[in-house]
Amino acid sequence: MKGLPLSAALSGSLPCIGCGYELKGMSIRSVCPECGTAIRATILYKVDPEADEFRPMLTPRLTAACLVTLPASAFLLALSGWAVRIADISAILTGVSHSALRSAAPWDLYLAVIAGLSTLGLIRPSSSIAWWKSLAASVAALCFLPLVWAVHEIGRIDAQRSMPYFSSVISRDRVELHMVLWLCLGLIVVGLRPVARDLVRRSLALRTGRVDRQTMLAMIVASALVLIGDAGRWWSATGEQPHAMAVGTLIVALGALFVTVGLATAIVDGWRIGLAIRQPAPGRRQVFGDPPPGLPN
């Protein structure tokens, strides 16, 4: 409210934060006539001081949709992998095979393709985005090509060799494909992070820390952790370090778990950012109108 006279009135729509009562036309020194909440409190909570600086989104609905479909499809892909691994453990304990789950491999491929297509909607969400951020997002989109190929090849191998993480013999070609998959995933997150940070700024709740969010940096670290575990498994396949297989498998599981949790959080964050894109918080000009002559904008 800096630069506004104490007698300033709200010229734009502003629902009360306490009860939703329309405060338009009231002085900023007043309180809500319905619930008594100070109008200044509503202004501080709802009015975005940076809103007037943002350029309009080129395709707000498409961008908002991609912010949800990308992490959601990746999350379902992760759950599919966990389901097969849990089925492997169940088969070891009970002796009952769950081979039907392996027929879900085509769905894994479809989910990976959907995630890749969703990335295209985040390459240039607004006309003001820096060229290098769009370039990084474009590289992230291209990384889905080897990722989809790796998902396809892993599914083909798993259909022929059961229980890749609970066998005494490690398939080095599968481990290598798995490393390609997670390397691509890490590069995708790195490439999308600059654009995502710009989009986060459009969400007042996320930008001001009113809600918690999983940082993409943590997902990058978790992806690196999986690669370290895969390196240990690949090394154990040479026969020089047999204990590296168990350690590597544990590291892979931990890293994959962290990424799965991060993807679940990213779905929520994507939804929140999407709401801010479709229904942005009002800016100072929207609520107070143009400032009087002599006052800063």
C-alpha atoms as a PDB file:
ATOM      1  CA  MET A   1       0.000   0.000   0.000  1.00  0.00           C
ATOM      2  CA  LYS A   2       3.040   2.229  -0.213  1.00  0.00           C
ATOM      3  CA  GLY A   3       2.377   5.409  -2.149  1.00  0.00           C
ATOM      4  CA  LEU A   4      -1.403   5.347  -1.559  1.00  0.00           C
ATOM      5  CA  PRO A   5      -3.243   7.979   0.508  1.00  0.00           C
ATOM      6  CA  LEU A   6      -4.892   6.635   3.657  1.00  0.00           C
ATOM      7  CA  SER A   7      -8.255   7.702   2.274  1.00  0.00           C
ATOM      8  CA  ALA A   8      -7.859   5.616  -0.884  1.00  0.00           C
ATOM      9  CA  ALA A   9     -10.874   3.555  -1.837  1.00  0.00           C
ATOM     10  CA  LEU A  10     -11.057   0.258  -3.650  1.00  0.00           C
ATOM     11  CA  SER A  11     -12.144   0.897  -7.222  1.00  0.00           C
ATOM     12  CA  GLY A  12     -11.921  -2.726  -8.254  1.00  0.00           C
ATOM     13  CA  SER A  13     -13.403  -5.993  -7.035  1.00  0.00           C
ATOM     14  CA  LEU A  14     -11.840  -7.455  -3.880  1.00  0.00           C
ATOM     15  CA  PRO A  15     -13.644 -10.136  -1.843  1.00  0.00           C
ATOM     16  CA  CYS A  16     -12.952 -10.129   1.900  1.00  0.00           C
ATOM     17  CA  ILE A  17     -10.442 -12.736   2.988  1.00  0.00           C
ATOM     18  CA  GLY A  18     -12.578 -13.596   5.992  1.00  0.00           C
ATOM     19  CA  CYS A  19     -16.077 -14.002   4.584  1.00  0.00           C
ATOM     20  CA  GLY A  20     -15.961 -13.210   0.866  1.00  0.00           C
ATOM     21  CA  TYR A  21     -17.947  -9.961   1.168  1.00  0.00           C
ATOM     22  CA  GLU A  22     -17.358  -7.615  -1.782  1.00  0.00           C
ATOM     23  CA  LEU A  23     -15.245  -4.677  -0.552  1.00  0.00           C
ATOM     24  CA  LYS A  24     -15.315  -2.571  -3.718  1.00  0.00           C
ATOM     25  CA  GLY A  25     -15.742   1.151  -3.023  1.00  0.00           C
ATOM     26  CA  MET A  26     -14.654   0.966   0.632  1.00  0.00           C
ATOM     27  CA  SER A  27     -11.703   2.812   2.180  1.00  0.00           C
ATOM     28  CA  ILE A  28      -8.539   0.863   2.891  1.00  0.00           C
ATOM     29  CA  ARG A  29      -8.804   2.106   6.498  1.00  0.00           C
ATOM     30  CA  SER A  30     -12.167   0.401   7.001  1.00  0.00           C
ATOM     31  CA  VAL A  31     -13.058  -3.096   8.103  1.00  0.00           C
ATOM     32  CA  CYS A  32     -15.356  -5.617   6.467  1.00  0.00           C
ATOM     33  CA  PRO A  33     -18.938  -4.819   7.517  1.00  0.00           C
ATOM     34  CA  GLU A  34     -19.785  -8.522   7.620  1.00  0.00           C
ATOM     35  CA  CYS A  35     -16.959 -10.086   9.661  1.00  0.00           C
ATOM     36  CA  GLY A  36     -14.848  -7.152  10.866  1.00  0.00           C
ATOM     37  CA  THR A  37     -11.661  -8.205   9.095  1.00  0.00           C
ATOM     38  CA  ALA A  38      -9.403  -5.228   8.368  1.00  0.00           C
ATOM     39  CA  ILE A  39      -9.461  -4.384   4.677  1.00  0.00           C
ATOM     40  CA  ARG A  40      -5.709  -3.843   4.855  1.00  0.00           C
ATOM     41  CA  ALA A  41      -5.331  -7.515   5.834  1.00  0.00           C
ATOM     42  CA  THR A  42      -7.274  -8.586   2.744  1.00  0.00           C
ATOM     43  CA  ILE A  43      -5.154  -6.313   0.569  1.00  0.00           C
ATOM     44  CA  LEU A  44      -1.895  -7.677   1.972  1.00  0.00           C
ATOM     45  CA  TYR A  45      -3.063 -11.259   1.459  1.00  0.00           C
ATOM     46  CA  LYS A  46      -4.780 -11.025  -1.927  1.00  0.00           C
ATOM     47  CA  VAL A  47      -3.302  -8.135  -3.873  1.00  0.00           C
ATOM     48  CA  ASP A  48      -0.183  -9.154  -5.785  1.00  0.00           C
ATOM     49  CA  PRO A  49       2.317  -6.262  -5.917  1.00  0.00           C
ATOM     50  CA  GLU A  50       4.066  -7.879  -8.902  1.00  0.00           C
ATOM     51  CA  ALA A  51       0.939  -8.676 -10.925  1.00  0.00           C
ATOM     52  CA  ASP A  52       1.162  -5.537 -13.064  1.00  0.00           C
ATOM     53  CA  GLU A  53       4.693  -6.493 -14.133  1.00  0.00           C
ATOM     54  CA  PHE A  54       3.719  -9.841 -15.664  1.00  0.00           C
ATOM     55  CA  ARG A  55       3.117 -10.133 -19.389  1.00  0.00           C
ATOM     56  CA  PRO A  56      -0.064 -12.026 -20.338  1.00  0.00           C
ATOM     57  CA  MET A  57       0.314 -15.749 -20.926  1.00  0.00           C
ATOM     58  CA  LEU A  58       0.193 -16.790 -24.589  1.00  0.00           C
ATOM     59  CA  THR A  59      -1.899 -19.915 -23.949  1.00  0.00           C
ATOM     60  CA  PRO A  60      -2.917 -19.862 -20.271  1.00  0.00           C
ATOM     61  CA  ARG A  61      -5.267 -22.854 -20.405  1.00  0.00           C
ATOM     62  CA  LEU A  62      -2.761 -25.013 -22.287  1.00  0.00           C
ATOM     63  CA  THR A  63       0.072 -24.058 -19.941  1.00  0.00           C
ATOM     64  CA  ALA A  64      -2.085 -24.716 -16.878  1.00  0.00           C
ATOM     65  CA  ALA A  65      -3.082 -28.124 -18.260  1.00  0.00           C
ATOM     66  CA  CYS A  66       0.524 -29.084 -19.058  1.00  0.00           C
ATOM     67  CA  LEU A  67       1.595 -28.139 -15.525  1.00  0.00           C
ATOM     68  CA  VAL A  68      -0.660 -30.933 -14.261  1.00  0.00           C
ATOM     69  CA  THR A  69      -0.479 -33.560 -17.026  1.00  0.00           C
ATOM     70  CA  LEU A  70       3.337 -33.585 -17.050  1.00  0.00           C
ATOM     71  CA  PRO A  71       3.897 -34.501 -13.366  1.00  0.00           C
ATOM     72  CA  ALA A  72       0.713 -36.603 -13.253  1.00  0.00           C
ATOM     73  CA  SER A  73       1.746 -38.841 -16.157  1.00  0.00           C
ATOM     74  CA  ALA A  74       5.274 -39.116 -14.747  1.00  0.00           C
ATOM     75  CA  PHE A  75       3.832 -39.989 -11.330  1.00  0.00           C
ATOM     76  CA  LEU A  76       1.615 -42.722 -12.819  1.00  0.00           C
ATOM     77  CA  LEU A  77       4.645 -44.052 -14.689  1.00  0.00           C
ATOM     78  CA  ALA A  78       6.537 -44.219 -11.391  1.00  0.00           C
ATOM     79  CA  LEU A  79       3.616 -45.974  -9.675  1.00  0.00           C
ATOM     80  CA  SER A  80       3.533 -48.526 -12.484  1.00  0.00           C
ATOM     81  CA  GLY A  81       7.183 -49.336 -11.838  1.00  0.00           C
ATOM     82  CA  TRP A  82       6.592 -49.637  -8.102  1.00  0.00           C
ATOM     83  CA  ALA A  83       3.610 -51.951  -8.697  1.00  0.00           C
ATOM     84  CA  VAL A  84       5.756 -54.392 -10.663  1.00  0.00           C
ATOM     85  CA  ARG A  85       8.530 -54.334  -8.049  1.00  0.00           C
ATOM     86  CA  ILE A  86       6.029 -54.932  -5.233  1.00  0.00           C
ATOM     87  CA  ALA A  87       4.576 -57.809  -7.250  1.00  0.00           C
ATOM     88  CA  ASP A  88       8.089 -59.270  -7.535  1.00  0.00           C
ATOM     89  CA  ILE A  89       8.498 -59.154  -3.758  1.00  0.00           C
ATOM     90  CA  SER A  90       5.075 -60.765  -3.329  1.00  0.00           C
ATOM     91  CA  ALA A  91       6.024 -63.538  -5.741  1.00  0.00           C
ATOM     92  CA  ILE A  92       9.198 -64.244  -3.753  1.00  0.00           C
ATOM     93  CA  LEU A  93       7.299 -64.406  -0.458  1.00  0.00           C
ATOM     94  CA  THR A  94       4.221 -66.305  -1.638  1.00  0.00           C
ATOM     95  CA  GLY A  95       5.441 -68.151  -4.697  1.00  0.00           C
ATOM     96  CA  VAL A  96       2.514 -66.747  -6.687  1.00  0.00           C
ATOM     97  CA  SER A  97       3.522 -64.952  -9.890  1.00  0.00           C
ATOM     98  CA  HIS A  98       1.818 -61.736 -10.953  1.00  0.00           C
ATOM     99  CA  SER A  99       2.886 -61.781 -14.579  1.00  0.00           C
ATOM    100  CA  ALA A 100      -0.263 -59.914 -15.632  1.00  0.00           C
ATOM    101  CA  LEU A 101       1.251 -56.698 -14.286  1.00  0.00           C
ATOM    102  CA  ARG A 102       4.019 -56.893 -16.855  1.00  0.00           C
ATOM    103  CA  SER A 103       1.450 -56.504 -19.619  1.00  0.00           C
ATOM    104  CA  ALA A 104       1.132 -52.871 -18.456  1.00  0.00           C
ATOM    105  CA  ALA A 105       4.383 -52.065 -20.285  1.00  0.00           C
ATOM    106  CA  PRO A 106       2.537 -50.408 -23.241  1.00  0.00           C
ATOM    107  CA  TRP A 107       0.805 -48.102 -20.758  1.00  0.00           C
ATOM    108  CA  ASP A 108       4.229 -47.095 -19.444  1.00  0.00           C
ATOM    109  CA  LEU A 109       5.142 -46.098 -22.980  1.00  0.00           C
ATOM    110  CA  TYR A 110       1.926 -44.112 -23.415  1.00  0.00           C
ATOM    111  CA  LEU A 111       2.480 -42.263 -20.125  1.00  0.00           C
ATOM    112  CA  ALA A 112       6.035 -41.364 -21.123  1.00  0.00           C
ATOM    113  CA  VAL A 113       4.771 -40.003 -24.460  1.00  0.00           C
ATOM    114  CA  ILE A 114       2.060 -37.938 -22.719  1.00  0.00           C
ATOM    115  CA  ALA A 115       4.661 -36.470 -20.370  1.00  0.00           C
ATOM    116  CA  GLY A 116       6.867 -35.595 -23.318  1.00  0.00           C
ATOM    117  CA  LEU A 117       4.045 -33.904 -25.217  1.00  0.00           C
ATOM    118  CA  SER A 118       3.099 -31.948 -22.087  1.00  0.00           C
ATOM    119  CA  THR A 119       6.591 -30.482 -22.024  1.00  0.00           C
ATOM    120  CA  LEU A 120       5.944 -28.761 -25.356  1.00  0.00           C
ATOM    121  CA  GLY A 121       3.371 -26.519 -23.700  1.00  0.00           C
ATOM    122  CA  LEU A 122       6.002 -25.135 -21.325  1.00  0.00           C
ATOM    123  CA  ILE A 123       8.617 -24.078 -23.870  1.00  0.00           C
ATOM    124  CA  ARG A 124       7.307 -20.524 -24.355  1.00  0.00           C
ATOM    125  CA  PRO A 125       4.421 -19.831 -21.980  1.00  0.00           C
ATOM    126  CA  SER A 126       4.730 -16.023 -22.283  1.00  0.00           C
ATOM    127  CA  SER A 127       6.272 -13.560 -24.712  1.00  0.00           C
ATOM    128  CA  SER A 128       8.522 -12.125 -22.001  1.00  0.00           C
ATOM    129  CA  ILE A 129      10.356 -15.351 -21.183  1.00  0.00           C
ATOM    130  CA  ALA A 130      14.111 -15.251 -21.805  1.00  0.00           C
ATOM    131  CA  TRP A 131      15.300 -17.052 -24.929  1.00  0.00           C
ATOM    132  CA  TRP A 132      17.716 -19.258 -23.004  1.00  0.00           C
ATOM    133  CA  LYS A 133      14.922 -20.501 -20.757  1.00  0.00           C
ATOM    134  CA  SER A 134      12.880 -21.528 -23.791  1.00  0.00           C
ATOM    135  CA  LEU A 135      15.985 -23.194 -25.215  1.00  0.00           C
ATOM    136  CA  ALA A 136      16.513 -25.143 -21.979  1.00  0.00           C
ATOM    137  CA  ALA A 137      12.870 -26.265 -22.024  1.00  0.00           C
ATOM    138  CA  SER A 138      13.265 -27.315 -25.676  1.00  0.00           C
ATOM    139  CA  VAL A 139      16.272 -29.456 -24.753  1.00  0.00           C
ATOM    140  CA  ALA A 140      14.177 -30.979 -21.950  1.00  0.00           C
ATOM    141  CA  ALA A 141      11.477 -31.856 -24.489  1.00  0.00           C
ATOM    142  CA  LEU A 142      14.061 -33.489 -26.774  1.00  0.00           C
ATOM    143  CA  CYS A 143      15.340 -35.576 -23.851  1.00  0.00           C
ATOM    144  CA  PHE A 144      12.000 -37.371 -23.871  1.00  0.00           C
ATOM    145  CA  LEU A 145      12.948 -39.065 -27.134  1.00  0.00           C
ATOM    146  CA  PRO A 146      15.707 -41.265 -25.606  1.00  0.00           C
ATOM    147  CA  LEU A 147      13.611 -41.583 -22.421  1.00  0.00           C
ATOM    148  CA  VAL A 148      10.654 -43.056 -24.331  1.00  0.00           C
ATOM    149  CA  TRP A 149      13.032 -45.363 -26.188  1.00  0.00           C
ATOM    150  CA  ALA A 150      14.565 -46.521 -22.890  1.00  0.00           C
ATOM    151  CA  VAL A 151      11.104 -47.176 -21.403  1.00  0.00           C
ATOM    152  CA  HIS A 152      10.206 -49.263 -24.460  1.00  0.00           C
ATOM    153  CA  GLU A 153      13.416 -51.301 -24.349  1.00  0.00           C
ATOM    154  CA  ILE A 154      13.195 -51.881 -20.596  1.00  0.00           C
ATOM    155  CA  GLY A 155       9.643 -53.143 -21.034  1.00  0.00           C
ATOM    156  CA  ARG A 156      10.827 -55.525 -23.745  1.00  0.00           C
ATOM    157  CA  ILE A 157      13.607 -56.888 -21.527  1.00  0.00           C
ATOM    158  CA  ASP A 158      11.343 -57.248 -18.489  1.00  0.00           C
ATOM    159  CA  ALA A 159       8.881 -59.277 -20.538  1.00  0.00           C
ATOM    160  CA  GLN A 160      11.658 -61.843 -21.106  1.00  0.00           C
ATOM    161  CA  ARG A 161      13.580 -61.695 -17.816  1.00  0.00           C
ATOM    162  CA  SER A 162      11.581 -61.567 -14.613  1.00  0.00           C
ATOM    163  CA  MET A 163      12.551 -59.826 -11.356  1.00  0.00           C
ATOM    164  CA  PRO A 164      15.488 -57.680 -12.530  1.00  0.00           C
ATOM    165  CA  TYR A 165      16.184 -56.401  -8.989  1.00  0.00           C
ATOM    166  CA  PHE A 166      15.894 -59.760  -7.209  1.00  0.00           C
ATOM    167  CA  SER A 167      17.931 -61.997  -9.470  1.00  0.00           C
ATOM    168  CA  SER A 168      21.456 -63.188  -8.793  1.00  0.00           C
ATOM    169  CA  VAL A 169      22.346 -62.389 -12.409  1.00  0.00           C
ATOM    170  CA  ILE A 170      22.225 -58.720 -13.412  1.00  0.00           C
ATOM    171  CA  SER A 171      21.242 -57.729 -16.928  1.00  0.00           C
ATOM    172  CA  ARG A 172      23.856 -55.127 -17.798  1.00  0.00           C
ATOM    173  CA  ASP A 173      21.927 -53.965 -20.861  1.00  0.00           C
ATOM    174  CA  ARG A 174      18.880 -53.266 -18.679  1.00  0.00           C
ATOM    175  CA  VAL A 175      20.975 -51.381 -16.135  1.00  0.00           C
ATOM    176  CA  GLU A 176      22.451 -49.273 -18.920  1.00  0.00           C
ATOM    177  CA  LEU A 177      18.971 -48.499 -20.278  1.00  0.00           C
ATOM    178  CA  HIS A 178      17.832 -47.624 -16.758  1.00  0.00           C
ATOM    179  CA  MET A 179      20.749 -45.202 -16.451  1.00  0.00           C
ATOM    180  CA  VAL A 180      19.761 -43.600 -19.759  1.00  0.00           C
ATOM    181  CA  LEU A 181      16.202 -43.197 -18.468  1.00  0.00           C
ATOM    182  CA  TRP A 182      17.236 -41.517 -15.215  1.00  0.00           C
ATOM    183  CA  LEU A 183      19.888 -39.373 -16.866  1.00  0.00           C
ATOM    184  CA  CYS A 184      17.226 -38.078 -19.237  1.00  0.00           C
ATOM    185  CA  LEU A 185      14.855 -37.487 -16.322  1.00  0.00           C
ATOM    186  CA  GLY A 186      17.479 -35.444 -14.501  1.00  0.00           C
ATOM    187  CA  LEU A 187      18.209 -33.387 -17.622  1.00  0.00           C
ATOM    188  CA  ILE A 188      14.487 -32.815 -18.164  1.00  0.00           C
ATOM    189  CA  VAL A 189      14.065 -31.413 -14.656  1.00  0.00           C
ATOM    190  CA  VAL A 190      17.166 -29.245 -15.098  1.00  0.00           C
ATOM    191  CA  GLY A 191      15.856 -27.926 -18.417  1.00  0.00           C
ATOM    192  CA  LEU A 192      12.369 -27.157 -17.133  1.00  0.00           C
ATOM    193  CA  ARG A 193      13.472 -25.580 -13.857  1.00  0.00           C
ATOM    194  CA  PRO A 194      14.096 -22.030 -15.222  1.00  0.00           C
ATOM    195  CA  VAL A 195      10.643 -21.869 -16.832  1.00  0.00           C
ATOM    196  CA  ALA A 196       9.036 -23.408 -13.748  1.00  0.00           C
ATOM    197  CA  ARG A 197      10.621 -20.772 -11.504  1.00  0.00           C
ATOM    198  CA  ASP A 198       9.159 -18.038 -13.713  1.00  0.00           C
ATOM    199  CA  LEU A 199       5.732 -19.643 -13.515  1.00  0.00           C
ATOM    200  CA  VAL A 200       6.015 -19.993  -9.730  1.00  0.00           C
ATOM    201  CA  ARG A 201       6.388 -16.199  -9.494  1.00  0.00           C
ATOM    202  CA  ARG A 202       2.867 -15.883 -10.896  1.00  0.00           C
ATOM    203  CA  SER A 203       1.494 -17.748  -7.874  1.00  0.00           C
ATOM    204  CA  LEU A 204       1.348 -15.381  -4.912  1.00  0.00           C
ATOM    205  CA  ALA A 205       0.893 -18.275  -2.469  1.00  0.00           C
ATOM    206  CA  LEU A 206       3.973 -20.148  -3.696  1.00  0.00           C
ATOM    207  CA  ARG A 207       6.121 -17.049  -4.115  1.00  0.00           C
ATOM    208  CA  THR A 208       5.448 -15.802  -0.602  1.00  0.00           C
ATOM    209  CA  GLY A 209       5.914 -19.210   1.009  1.00  0.00           C
ATOM    210  CA  ARG A 210       2.315 -19.554   2.204  1.00  0.00           C
ATOM    211  CA  VAL A 211       2.315 -23.156   1.011  1.00  0.00           C
ATOM    212  CA  ASP A 212       5.127 -25.679   1.040  1.00  0.00           C
ATOM    213  CA  ARG A 213       6.498 -27.020  -2.210  1.00  0.00           C
ATOM    214  CA  GLN A 214       8.972 -29.657  -3.280  1.00  0.00           C
ATOM    215  CA  THR A 215      11.930 -28.036  -5.045  1.00  0.00           C
ATOM    216  CA  MET A 216      12.953 -29.379  -8.411  1.00  0.00           C
ATOM    217  CA  LEU A 217      16.538 -29.260  -7.197  1.00  0.00           C
ATOM    218  CA  ALA A 218      15.742 -32.075  -4.754  1.00  0.00           C
ATOM    219  CA  MET A 219      14.419 -34.188  -7.628  1.00  0.00           C
ATOM    220  CA  ILE A 220      17.631 -33.587  -9.559  1.00  0.00           C
ATOM    221  CA  VAL A 221      19.652 -34.797  -6.569  1.00  0.00           C
ATOM    222  CA  ALA A 222      17.395 -37.855  -6.225  1.00  0.00           C
ATOM    223  CA  SER A 223      17.873 -38.674  -9.930  1.00  0.00           C
ATOM    224  CA  ALA A 224      21.637 -38.476  -9.433  1.00  0.00           C
ATOM    225  CA  LEU A 225      21.241 -40.850  -6.480  1.00  0.00           C
ATOM    226  CA  VAL A 226      19.530 -43.405  -8.721  1.00  0.00           C
ATOM    227  CA  LEU A 227      22.356 -43.110 -11.239  1.00  0.00           C
ATOM    228  CA  ILE A 228      24.887 -43.794  -8.477  1.00  0.00           C
ATOM    229  CA  GLY A 229      22.925 -46.883  -7.444  1.00  0.00           C
ATOM    230  CA  ASP A 230      22.756 -48.093 -11.042  1.00  0.00           C
ATOM    231  CA  ALA A 231      26.504 -47.566 -11.389  1.00  0.00           C
ATOM    232  CA  GLY A 232      27.008 -49.840  -8.389  1.00  0.00           C
ATOM    233  CA  ARG A 233      24.726 -52.491  -9.885  1.00  0.00           C
ATOM    234  CA  TRP A 234      26.535 -52.273 -13.219  1.00  0.00           C
ATOM    235  CA  TRP A 235      29.884 -52.629 -11.441  1.00  0.00           C
ATOM    236  CA  SER A 236      28.681 -55.685  -9.555  1.00  0.00           C
ATOM    237  CA  ALA A 237      27.817 -57.338 -12.877  1.00  0.00           C
ATOM    238  CA  THR A 238      31.543 -57.526 -13.625  1.00  0.00           C
ATOM    239  CA  GLY A 239      31.945 -59.920 -10.693  1.00  0.00           C
ATOM    240  CA  GLU A 240      34.540 -57.749  -8.966  1.00  0.00           C
ATOM    241  CA  GLN A 241      32.204 -56.353  -6.303  1.00  0.00           C
ATOM    242  CA  PRO A 242      29.267 -58.719  -5.694  1.00  0.00           C
ATOM    243  CA  HIS A 243      28.098 -56.746  -2.623  1.00  0.00           C
ATOM    244  CA  ALA A 244      27.645 -53.653  -4.778  1.00  0.00           C
ATOM    245  CA  MET A 245      24.464 -55.176  -6.205  1.00  0.00           C
ATOM    246  CA  ALA A 246      22.563 -55.079  -2.904  1.00  0.00           C
ATOM    247  CA  VAL A 247      23.865 -51.614  -2.018  1.00  0.00           C
ATOM    248  CA  GLY A 248      23.122 -50.302  -5.496  1.00  0.00           C
ATOM    249  CA  THR A 249      19.590 -51.721  -5.453  1.00  0.00           C
ATOM    250  CA  LEU A 250      18.906 -50.028  -2.118  1.00  0.00           C
ATOM    251  CA  ILE A 251      20.220 -46.686  -3.400  1.00  0.00           C
ATOM    252  CA  VAL A 252      18.100 -46.987  -6.553  1.00  0.00           C
ATOM    253  CA  ALA A 253      15.000 -47.682  -4.446  1.00  0.00           C
ATOM    254  CA  LEU A 254      15.647 -44.680  -2.172  1.00  0.00           C
ATOM    255  CA  GLY A 255      16.286 -42.314  -5.059  1.00  0.00           C
ATOM    256  CA  ALA A 256      13.208 -43.530  -6.940  1.00  0.00           C
ATOM    257  CA  LEU A 257      11.105 -43.126  -3.788  1.00  0.00           C
ATOM    258  CA  PHE A 258      12.235 -39.517  -3.355  1.00  0.00           C
ATOM    259  CA  VAL A 259      11.436 -38.740  -6.978  1.00  0.00           C
ATOM    260  CA  THR A 260       8.005 -40.388  -6.693  1.00  0.00           C
ATOM    261  CA  VAL A 261       7.167 -38.245  -3.663  1.00  0.00           C
ATOM    262  CA  GLY A 262       8.508 -35.190  -5.495  1.00  0.00           C
ATOM    263  CA  LEU A 263       6.275 -35.916  -8.491  1.00  0.00           C
ATOM    264  CA  ALA A 264       3.230 -36.223  -6.238  1.00  0.00           C
ATOM    265  CA  THR A 265       4.043 -32.818  -4.752  1.00  0.00           C
ATOM    266  CA  ALA A 266       4.655 -31.414  -8.228  1.00  0.00           C
ATOM    267  CA  ILE A 267       1.091 -32.331  -9.215  1.00  0.00           C
ATOM    268  CA  VAL A 268      -0.245 -30.194  -6.355  1.00  0.00           C
ATOM    269  CA  ASP A 269       2.149 -27.355  -7.176  1.00  0.00           C
ATOM    270  CA  GLY A 270       1.235 -27.563 -10.862  1.00  0.00           C
ATOM    271  CA  TRP A 271      -2.438 -27.276  -9.982  1.00  0.00           C
ATOM    272  CA  ARG A 272      -1.791 -24.237  -7.765  1.00  0.00           C
ATOM    273  CA  ILE A 273       0.316 -22.508 -10.404  1.00  0.00           C
ATOM    274  CA  GLY A 274      -2.306 -23.364 -13.031  1.00  0.00           C
ATOM    275  CA  LEU A 275      -4.986 -21.680 -10.936  1.00  0.00           C
ATOM    276  CA  ALA A 276      -2.791 -18.585 -10.629  1.00  0.00           C
ATOM    277  CA  ILE A 277      -2.352 -18.566 -14.409  1.00  0.00           C
ATOM    278  CA  ARG A 278      -6.059 -19.007 -15.198  1.00  0.00           C
ATOM    279  CA  GLN A 279      -7.249 -16.718 -12.379  1.00  0.00           C
ATOM    280  CA  PRO A 280      -4.315 -14.469 -11.423  1.00  0.00           C
ATOM    281  CA  ALA A 281      -4.356 -12.518  -8.171  1.00  0.00           C
ATOM    282  CA  PRO A 282      -5.478  -8.908  -8.680  1.00  0.00           C
ATOM    283  CA  GLY A 283      -2.783  -6.295  -9.079  1.00  0.00           C
ATOM    284  CA  ARG A 284      -2.613  -2.876  -7.513  1.00  0.00           C
ATOM    285  CA  ARG A 285      -4.046  -1.133 -10.576  1.00  0.00           C
ATOM    286  CA  GLN A 286      -7.001  -3.541 -10.705  1.00  0.00           C
ATOM    287  CA  VAL A 287      -7.940  -2.809  -7.085  1.00  0.00           C
ATOM    288  CA  PHE A 288      -7.053   0.887  -6.750  1.00  0.00           C
ATOM    289  CA  GLY A 289      -7.100   2.070 -10.354  1.00  0.00           C
ATOM    290  CA  ASP A 290      -4.423   4.384 -11.746  1.00  0.00           C
ATOM    291  CA  PRO A 291      -2.546   6.267  -9.014  1.00  0.00           C
ATOM    292  CA  PRO A 292      -3.183   9.991  -8.630  1.00  0.00           C
ATOM    293  CA  PRO A 293      -0.721  12.348 -10.369  1.00  0.00           C
ATOM    294  CA  GLY A 294       2.499  12.704  -8.463  1.00  0.00           C
ATOM    295  CA  LEU A 295       2.345   9.248  -6.806  1.00  0.00           C
ATOM    296  CA  PRO A 296       4.575   6.366  -7.922  1.00  0.00           C
ATOM    297  CA  ASN A 297       3.061   3.569  -9.981  1.00  0.00           C
END
